[in-house]
Amino acid sequence: MRVHIGSDHAGLSTKQFLVSALAERGHEVIDHGPHEYDALDDYPPFCLATGAGVVADPGSLGVVLGGSGNGEQIAANKVDGVRAALVWSAEIARLARQHNDANVISIGARMHSQDDVIAFVEAFIATPFSGDERHVRRIGQLATYERTGEVPPTR
């Protein structure tokens, strides 16, 4: 699996750990930075580049990391075609793939151990989208809203 990854300064050491751990597991990792610690760096460029990398690379997945993961998720979701989920457990990572066809996950590096982070990412990578009609319908409603700006009718 090709995995695009980006972070801010708060997620840098966890990102570096993930790059190595994923490569050791046979994944191809594309690191969108940062590549050195800068306490004043801004997360949007790294997370936007990660999201854009995923969208431009069909079949790939992405991971963005920050202190809490909140801003990084928001940034990644600004990229057309990204469905980024904030993940805090392996179960949430699986559900993000199964129900939402998430193609990017965001993790708070200050909130979890490296063992937990790799478990979340492995669960995300290993889980396919269920393809259930209700999930396909809901994702379609969101895509239509993004394209048209019109709120879908309720059932």
N, C-alpha and C. Protein backbone atom coordinates (compact mmCIF):
# COMPACT_ATOMS: atom_id res chain seq x y z
N MET A 1 0.84 -1.18 0.00
CA MET A 1 0.00 0.00 0.00
C MET A 1 0.89 1.24 0.00
N ARG A 2 0.51 2.21 -0.82
CA ARG A 2 1.19 3.50 -0.81
C ARG A 2 0.50 4.39 0.22
N VAL A 3 1.28 4.95 1.14
CA VAL A 3 0.75 5.78 2.21
C VAL A 3 1.43 7.14 2.17
N HIS A 4 0.61 8.17 1.99
CA HIS A 4 1.09 9.55 2.05
C HIS A 4 1.00 10.01 3.50
N ILE A 5 2.00 10.75 3.95
CA ILE A 5 2.05 11.14 5.36
C ILE A 5 2.59 12.55 5.51
N GLY A 6 2.01 13.30 6.44
CA GLY A 6 2.47 14.65 6.74
C GLY A 6 2.12 14.98 8.18
N SER A 7 2.79 16.00 8.71
CA SER A 7 2.56 16.37 10.10
C SER A 7 2.90 17.84 10.31
N ASP A 8 2.86 18.24 11.57
CA ASP A 8 3.45 19.50 11.98
C ASP A 8 4.59 19.16 12.93
N HIS A 9 5.14 20.19 13.59
CA HIS A 9 6.26 19.94 14.51
C HIS A 9 5.87 19.00 15.66
N ALA A 10 4.62 19.10 16.14
CA ALA A 10 4.18 18.26 17.26
C ALA A 10 4.07 16.79 16.86
N GLY A 11 3.86 16.54 15.58
CA GLY A 11 3.74 15.17 15.11
C GLY A 11 4.99 14.63 14.45
N LEU A 12 6.03 15.45 14.38
CA LEU A 12 7.23 15.07 13.61
C LEU A 12 7.85 13.76 14.08
N SER A 13 8.10 13.59 15.36
CA SER A 13 8.77 12.36 15.80
C SER A 13 7.89 11.14 15.57
N THR A 14 6.58 11.28 15.75
CA THR A 14 5.68 10.16 15.47
C THR A 14 5.63 9.88 13.98
N LYS A 15 5.67 10.92 13.17
CA LYS A 15 5.70 10.73 11.71
C LYS A 15 6.97 9.97 11.31
N GLN A 16 8.09 10.37 11.85
CA GLN A 16 9.35 9.69 11.53
C GLN A 16 9.28 8.21 11.94
N PHE A 17 8.71 7.93 13.10
CA PHE A 17 8.51 6.55 13.55
C PHE A 17 7.62 5.81 12.55
N LEU A 18 6.50 6.42 12.15
CA LEU A 18 5.57 5.76 11.23
C LEU A 18 6.20 5.50 9.87
N VAL A 19 6.95 6.45 9.36
CA VAL A 19 7.61 6.26 8.06
C VAL A 19 8.46 5.00 8.10
N SER A 20 9.25 4.84 9.15
CA SER A 20 10.10 3.64 9.28
C SER A 20 9.28 2.38 9.50
N ALA A 21 8.31 2.45 10.42
CA ALA A 21 7.52 1.26 10.75
C ALA A 21 6.71 0.78 9.54
N LEU A 22 6.15 1.69 8.79
CA LEU A 22 5.37 1.29 7.61
C LEU A 22 6.27 0.73 6.52
N ALA A 23 7.43 1.34 6.31
CA ALA A 23 8.37 0.82 5.31
C ALA A 23 8.83 -0.59 5.69
N GLU A 24 9.09 -0.81 6.98
CA GLU A 24 9.49 -2.14 7.45
C GLU A 24 8.41 -3.18 7.20
N ARG A 25 7.15 -2.75 7.16
CA ARG A 25 6.02 -3.65 6.92
C ARG A 25 5.70 -3.79 5.43
N GLY A 26 6.55 -3.19 4.59
CA GLY A 26 6.41 -3.36 3.15
C GLY A 26 5.58 -2.31 2.44
N HIS A 27 5.19 -1.26 3.13
CA HIS A 27 4.41 -0.20 2.50
C HIS A 27 5.35 0.83 1.87
N GLU A 28 4.87 1.44 0.79
CA GLU A 28 5.61 2.54 0.17
C GLU A 28 5.10 3.83 0.80
N VAL A 29 6.00 4.59 1.42
CA VAL A 29 5.61 5.79 2.14
C VAL A 29 6.10 7.02 1.40
N ILE A 30 5.20 7.96 1.18
CA ILE A 30 5.54 9.25 0.58
C ILE A 30 5.42 10.29 1.68
N ASP A 31 6.55 10.85 2.08
CA ASP A 31 6.64 11.79 3.21
C ASP A 31 6.54 13.21 2.69
N HIS A 32 5.45 13.89 3.06
CA HIS A 32 5.21 15.26 2.61
C HIS A 32 5.72 16.30 3.61
N GLY A 33 6.49 15.86 4.60
CA GLY A 33 7.12 16.79 5.52
C GLY A 33 6.30 17.01 6.78
N PRO A 34 6.89 17.78 7.66
CA PRO A 34 8.20 18.41 7.59
C PRO A 34 9.33 17.38 7.75
N HIS A 35 10.51 17.82 7.41
CA HIS A 35 11.67 16.91 7.48
C HIS A 35 12.64 17.31 8.59
N GLU A 36 12.36 18.42 9.24
CA GLU A 36 13.15 18.83 10.40
C GLU A 36 12.25 19.59 11.35
N TYR A 37 12.64 19.64 12.60
CA TYR A 37 11.83 20.27 13.64
C TYR A 37 11.90 21.79 13.52
N ASP A 38 10.73 22.41 13.50
CA ASP A 38 10.60 23.86 13.55
C ASP A 38 9.35 24.14 14.37
N ALA A 39 9.54 24.62 15.59
CA ALA A 39 8.43 24.83 16.51
C ALA A 39 7.40 25.82 15.97
N LEU A 40 7.76 26.60 14.98
CA LEU A 40 6.85 27.60 14.43
C LEU A 40 6.25 27.20 13.08
N ASP A 41 6.47 25.96 12.67
CA ASP A 41 5.92 25.57 11.37
C ASP A 41 4.39 25.58 11.41
N ASP A 42 3.81 25.65 10.24
CA ASP A 42 2.37 25.64 10.07
C ASP A 42 1.96 24.31 9.46
N TYR A 43 0.94 23.66 10.03
CA TYR A 43 0.52 22.34 9.55
C TYR A 43 -0.20 22.36 8.21
N PRO A 44 -0.93 23.44 7.82
CA PRO A 44 -1.70 23.34 6.58
C PRO A 44 -0.91 22.91 5.34
N PRO A 45 0.27 23.47 5.06
CA PRO A 45 0.95 23.04 3.84
C PRO A 45 1.26 21.53 3.81
N PHE A 46 1.65 20.96 4.93
CA PHE A 46 1.99 19.54 4.99
C PHE A 46 0.75 18.66 4.85
N CYS A 47 -0.32 19.08 5.50
CA CYS A 47 -1.56 18.28 5.47
C CYS A 47 -2.27 18.42 4.13
N LEU A 48 -2.26 19.62 3.57
CA LEU A 48 -2.85 19.82 2.24
C LEU A 48 -2.07 19.01 1.19
N ALA A 49 -0.75 19.01 1.28
CA ALA A 49 0.07 18.23 0.34
C ALA A 49 -0.20 16.74 0.50
N THR A 50 -0.38 16.28 1.73
CA THR A 50 -0.70 14.87 1.96
C THR A 50 -2.03 14.51 1.33
N GLY A 51 -3.06 15.32 1.59
CA GLY A 51 -4.37 15.08 1.00
C GLY A 51 -4.33 15.11 -0.52
N ALA A 52 -3.64 16.10 -1.07
CA ALA A 52 -3.53 16.20 -2.53
C ALA A 52 -2.80 14.98 -3.10
N GLY A 53 -1.81 14.49 -2.37
CA GLY A 53 -1.09 13.29 -2.81
C GLY A 53 -2.00 12.08 -2.86
N VAL A 54 -2.86 11.93 -1.87
CA VAL A 54 -3.79 10.80 -1.85
C VAL A 54 -4.77 10.89 -3.01
N VAL A 55 -5.32 12.07 -3.23
CA VAL A 55 -6.31 12.25 -4.31
C VAL A 55 -5.68 11.99 -5.68
N ALA A 56 -4.44 12.41 -5.85
CA ALA A 56 -3.76 12.24 -7.13
C ALA A 56 -3.23 10.81 -7.34
N ASP A 57 -3.32 9.98 -6.31
CA ASP A 57 -2.73 8.65 -6.33
C ASP A 57 -3.81 7.62 -5.96
N PRO A 58 -4.70 7.30 -6.91
CA PRO A 58 -5.82 6.40 -6.60
C PRO A 58 -5.36 5.10 -5.96
N GLY A 59 -6.10 4.69 -4.93
CA GLY A 59 -5.76 3.47 -4.21
C GLY A 59 -4.85 3.67 -3.03
N SER A 60 -4.27 4.86 -2.92
CA SER A 60 -3.40 5.14 -1.78
C SER A 60 -4.23 5.63 -0.61
N LEU A 61 -3.59 5.70 0.55
CA LEU A 61 -4.22 6.25 1.75
C LEU A 61 -3.28 7.27 2.36
N GLY A 62 -3.79 8.04 3.33
CA GLY A 62 -2.97 9.07 3.95
C GLY A 62 -3.12 9.13 5.45
N VAL A 63 -2.08 9.67 6.09
CA VAL A 63 -2.07 9.89 7.53
C VAL A 63 -1.51 11.29 7.76
N VAL A 64 -2.24 12.08 8.57
CA VAL A 64 -1.73 13.37 9.01
C VAL A 64 -1.67 13.36 10.53
N LEU A 65 -0.64 14.01 11.06
CA LEU A 65 -0.38 13.99 12.50
C LEU A 65 -0.10 15.38 13.01
N GLY A 66 -0.62 15.66 14.19
CA GLY A 66 -0.32 16.90 14.89
C GLY A 66 -0.41 16.65 16.37
N GLY A 67 -0.43 17.71 17.15
CA GLY A 67 -0.56 17.54 18.59
C GLY A 67 -1.86 16.86 18.95
N SER A 68 -2.97 17.42 18.49
CA SER A 68 -4.29 16.83 18.76
C SER A 68 -4.86 16.10 17.56
N GLY A 69 -4.43 16.46 16.37
CA GLY A 69 -4.97 15.90 15.14
C GLY A 69 -6.16 16.69 14.59
N ASN A 70 -6.70 17.61 15.38
CA ASN A 70 -7.89 18.34 14.94
C ASN A 70 -7.61 19.26 13.75
N GLY A 71 -6.64 20.14 13.88
CA GLY A 71 -6.34 21.06 12.79
C GLY A 71 -5.89 20.33 11.54
N GLU A 72 -5.16 19.25 11.73
CA GLU A 72 -4.65 18.47 10.61
C GLU A 72 -5.80 17.82 9.84
N GLN A 73 -6.80 17.32 10.57
CA GLN A 73 -7.98 16.75 9.92
C GLN A 73 -8.72 17.82 9.14
N ILE A 74 -8.91 18.97 9.75
CA ILE A 74 -9.61 20.07 9.08
C ILE A 74 -8.88 20.45 7.80
N ALA A 75 -7.56 20.58 7.89
CA ALA A 75 -6.77 20.96 6.71
C ALA A 75 -6.90 19.92 5.61
N ALA A 76 -6.71 18.65 5.95
CA ALA A 76 -6.78 17.59 4.93
C ALA A 76 -8.15 17.58 4.27
N ASN A 77 -9.20 17.82 5.04
CA ASN A 77 -10.56 17.80 4.48
C ASN A 77 -10.85 18.96 3.54
N LYS A 78 -9.98 19.94 3.48
CA LYS A 78 -10.15 21.04 2.53
C LYS A 78 -9.79 20.62 1.10
N VAL A 79 -9.10 19.50 0.96
CA VAL A 79 -8.70 19.01 -0.36
C VAL A 79 -9.88 18.26 -0.97
N ASP A 80 -10.31 18.70 -2.14
CA ASP A 80 -11.43 18.06 -2.83
C ASP A 80 -11.11 16.59 -3.06
N GLY A 81 -11.99 15.72 -2.57
CA GLY A 81 -11.79 14.28 -2.73
C GLY A 81 -11.25 13.59 -1.49
N VAL A 82 -10.85 14.35 -0.48
CA VAL A 82 -10.37 13.75 0.76
C VAL A 82 -11.54 13.57 1.72
N ARG A 83 -11.55 12.42 2.36
CA ARG A 83 -12.46 12.15 3.47
C ARG A 83 -11.57 11.75 4.64
N ALA A 84 -11.23 12.75 5.47
CA ALA A 84 -10.31 12.54 6.60
C ALA A 84 -11.10 12.37 7.89
N ALA A 85 -10.71 11.39 8.68
CA ALA A 85 -11.35 11.11 9.96
C ALA A 85 -10.33 11.25 11.09
N LEU A 86 -10.75 11.89 12.18
CA LEU A 86 -9.93 11.94 13.38
C LEU A 86 -10.04 10.60 14.08
N VAL A 87 -8.90 9.95 14.32
CA VAL A 87 -8.88 8.59 14.85
C VAL A 87 -8.24 8.59 16.23
N TRP A 88 -8.89 7.89 17.16
CA TRP A 88 -8.36 7.76 18.52
C TRP A 88 -8.36 6.32 19.01
N SER A 89 -8.73 5.39 18.15
CA SER A 89 -8.67 3.97 18.49
C SER A 89 -8.62 3.16 17.19
N ALA A 90 -8.22 1.90 17.31
CA ALA A 90 -8.21 1.03 16.13
C ALA A 90 -9.63 0.81 15.63
N GLU A 91 -10.60 0.74 16.54
CA GLU A 91 -11.98 0.57 16.12
C GLU A 91 -12.47 1.75 15.28
N ILE A 92 -12.14 2.96 15.70
CA ILE A 92 -12.55 4.14 14.93
C ILE A 92 -11.85 4.14 13.58
N ALA A 93 -10.60 3.70 13.53
CA ALA A 93 -9.89 3.62 12.24
C ALA A 93 -10.59 2.65 11.30
N ARG A 94 -11.00 1.50 11.83
CA ARG A 94 -11.73 0.52 11.00
C ARG A 94 -13.07 1.09 10.53
N LEU A 95 -13.80 1.72 11.44
CA LEU A 95 -15.11 2.28 11.07
C LEU A 95 -14.98 3.40 10.05
N ALA A 96 -13.91 4.18 10.16
CA ALA A 96 -13.69 5.26 9.19
C ALA A 96 -13.57 4.69 7.77
N ARG A 97 -12.90 3.55 7.64
CA ARG A 97 -12.79 2.90 6.33
C ARG A 97 -14.09 2.20 5.95
N GLN A 98 -14.65 1.39 6.85
CA GLN A 98 -15.83 0.58 6.54
C GLN A 98 -17.04 1.43 6.20
N HIS A 99 -17.32 2.45 6.99
CA HIS A 99 -18.55 3.22 6.85
C HIS A 99 -18.40 4.50 6.05
N ASN A 100 -17.23 5.14 6.13
CA ASN A 100 -17.06 6.45 5.51
C ASN A 100 -16.12 6.44 4.32
N ASP A 101 -15.54 5.30 4.01
CA ASP A 101 -14.54 5.20 2.95
C ASP A 101 -13.49 6.30 3.10
N ALA A 102 -13.09 6.55 4.37
CA ALA A 102 -12.06 7.55 4.63
C ALA A 102 -10.79 7.16 3.90
N ASN A 103 -10.15 8.15 3.31
CA ASN A 103 -8.89 7.89 2.62
C ASN A 103 -7.71 8.55 3.33
N VAL A 104 -8.00 9.30 4.39
CA VAL A 104 -6.97 9.92 5.22
C VAL A 104 -7.43 9.80 6.67
N ILE A 105 -6.49 9.52 7.55
CA ILE A 105 -6.80 9.61 8.98
C ILE A 105 -5.87 10.64 9.62
N SER A 106 -6.39 11.25 10.66
CA SER A 106 -5.63 12.22 11.44
C SER A 106 -5.50 11.69 12.86
N ILE A 107 -4.31 11.82 13.40
CA ILE A 107 -4.03 11.30 14.74
C ILE A 107 -3.32 12.37 15.55
N GLY A 108 -3.73 12.50 16.80
CA GLY A 108 -3.05 13.39 17.74
C GLY A 108 -1.83 12.70 18.33
N ALA A 109 -0.67 13.11 17.89
CA ALA A 109 0.57 12.45 18.33
C ALA A 109 0.83 12.65 19.82
N ARG A 110 0.34 13.75 20.38
CA ARG A 110 0.54 13.99 21.82
C ARG A 110 -0.48 13.22 22.67
N MET A 111 -1.42 12.59 22.03
CA MET A 111 -2.51 11.91 22.73
C MET A 111 -2.31 10.40 22.83
N HIS A 112 -1.37 9.84 22.04
CA HIS A 112 -1.26 8.39 21.93
C HIS A 112 0.20 7.95 21.90
N SER A 113 0.44 6.74 22.37
CA SER A 113 1.78 6.16 22.28
C SER A 113 2.06 5.75 20.83
N GLN A 114 3.33 5.54 20.53
CA GLN A 114 3.68 5.08 19.18
C GLN A 114 3.09 3.72 18.90
N ASP A 115 3.00 2.86 19.90
CA ASP A 115 2.37 1.55 19.70
C ASP A 115 0.91 1.70 19.31
N ASP A 116 0.21 2.61 19.98
CA ASP A 116 -1.19 2.85 19.62
C ASP A 116 -1.30 3.42 18.21
N VAL A 117 -0.44 4.36 17.88
CA VAL A 117 -0.51 5.00 16.56
C VAL A 117 -0.32 3.97 15.46
N ILE A 118 0.67 3.10 15.57
CA ILE A 118 0.87 2.11 14.51
C ILE A 118 -0.30 1.15 14.46
N ALA A 119 -0.90 0.83 15.60
CA ALA A 119 -2.08 -0.05 15.61
C ALA A 119 -3.24 0.63 14.88
N PHE A 120 -3.44 1.93 15.09
CA PHE A 120 -4.51 2.66 14.40
C PHE A 120 -4.28 2.64 12.90
N VAL A 121 -3.04 2.92 12.50
CA VAL A 121 -2.72 3.00 11.07
C VAL A 121 -2.83 1.62 10.42
N GLU A 122 -2.36 0.58 11.08
CA GLU A 122 -2.48 -0.77 10.52
C GLU A 122 -3.95 -1.17 10.36
N ALA A 123 -4.79 -0.84 11.34
CA ALA A 123 -6.22 -1.15 11.24
C ALA A 123 -6.83 -0.39 10.06
N PHE A 124 -6.46 0.85 9.88
CA PHE A 124 -6.96 1.68 8.78
C PHE A 124 -6.57 1.08 7.44
N ILE A 125 -5.31 0.74 7.29
CA ILE A 125 -4.80 0.19 6.03
C ILE A 125 -5.44 -1.16 5.70
N ALA A 126 -5.65 -1.98 6.72
CA ALA A 126 -6.14 -3.35 6.51
C ALA A 126 -7.64 -3.44 6.25
N THR A 127 -8.37 -2.37 6.51
CA THR A 127 -9.83 -2.43 6.45
C THR A 127 -10.34 -1.88 5.13
N PRO A 128 -11.13 -2.65 4.40
CA PRO A 128 -11.73 -2.14 3.17
C PRO A 128 -13.05 -1.40 3.45
N PHE A 129 -13.46 -0.57 2.52
CA PHE A 129 -14.78 0.05 2.55
C PHE A 129 -15.81 -1.05 2.38
N SER A 130 -16.88 -1.00 3.16
CA SER A 130 -17.89 -2.06 3.11
C SER A 130 -18.68 -2.05 1.81
N GLY A 131 -18.88 -0.88 1.22
CA GLY A 131 -19.69 -0.79 0.00
C GLY A 131 -21.18 -0.90 0.25
N ASP A 132 -21.59 -0.97 1.53
CA ASP A 132 -23.02 -1.04 1.84
C ASP A 132 -23.76 0.14 1.21
N GLU A 133 -24.94 -0.14 0.70
CA GLU A 133 -25.72 0.88 -0.02
C GLU A 133 -25.92 2.14 0.80
N ARG A 134 -26.21 2.02 2.10
CA ARG A 134 -26.47 3.21 2.91
C ARG A 134 -25.23 4.08 3.03
N HIS A 135 -24.06 3.46 3.10
CA HIS A 135 -22.82 4.23 3.20
C HIS A 135 -22.49 4.88 1.85
N VAL A 136 -22.68 4.14 0.78
CA VAL A 136 -22.47 4.70 -0.57
C VAL A 136 -23.40 5.90 -0.77
N ARG A 137 -24.66 5.76 -0.37
CA ARG A 137 -25.64 6.84 -0.53
C ARG A 137 -25.20 8.09 0.25
N ARG A 138 -24.77 7.90 1.47
CA ARG A 138 -24.38 9.03 2.31
C ARG A 138 -23.13 9.73 1.78
N ILE A 139 -22.16 8.96 1.34
CA ILE A 139 -20.96 9.55 0.76
C ILE A 139 -21.33 10.31 -0.51
N GLY A 140 -22.25 9.76 -1.29
CA GLY A 140 -22.73 10.44 -2.49
C GLY A 140 -23.43 11.75 -2.17
N GLN A 141 -24.19 11.78 -1.10
CA GLN A 141 -24.85 13.02 -0.70
C GLN A 141 -23.82 14.10 -0.37
N LEU A 142 -22.78 13.71 0.33
CA LEU A 142 -21.73 14.67 0.66
C LEU A 142 -21.01 15.17 -0.59
N ALA A 143 -20.73 14.25 -1.51
CA ALA A 143 -20.06 14.65 -2.76
C ALA A 143 -20.94 15.59 -3.57
N THR A 144 -22.23 15.33 -3.60
CA THR A 144 -23.15 16.22 -4.32
C THR A 144 -23.17 17.59 -3.67
N TYR A 145 -23.22 17.63 -2.34
CA TYR A 145 -23.19 18.92 -1.65
C TYR A 145 -21.91 19.68 -1.96
N GLU A 146 -20.78 19.00 -1.95
CA GLU A 146 -19.51 19.67 -2.26
C GLU A 146 -19.53 20.26 -3.67
N ARG A 147 -20.17 19.55 -4.59
CA ARG A 147 -20.21 20.00 -5.98
C ARG A 147 -21.23 21.11 -6.20
N THR A 148 -22.39 21.03 -5.53
CA THR A 148 -23.50 21.94 -5.83
C THR A 148 -23.77 22.96 -4.74
N GLY A 149 -23.39 22.65 -3.50
CA GLY A 149 -23.71 23.52 -2.37
C GLY A 149 -25.15 23.36 -1.90
N GLU A 150 -25.86 22.40 -2.44
CA GLU A 150 -27.25 22.18 -2.06
C GLU A 150 -27.35 21.06 -1.04
N VAL A 151 -28.06 21.35 0.07
CA VAL A 151 -28.25 20.34 1.10
C VAL A 151 -29.20 19.27 0.58
N PRO A 152 -28.85 18.00 0.74
CA PRO A 152 -29.74 16.94 0.22
C PRO A 152 -31.03 16.88 1.03
N PRO A 153 -32.09 16.41 0.41
CA PRO A 153 -33.35 16.28 1.15
C PRO A 153 -33.24 15.19 2.21
N THR A 154 -34.00 15.34 3.28
CA THR A 154 -34.03 14.32 4.32
C THR A 154 -34.96 13.20 3.89
N ARG A 155 -34.78 12.07 4.49
CA ARG A 155 -35.63 10.92 4.16
C ARG A 155 -36.87 10.97 4.98
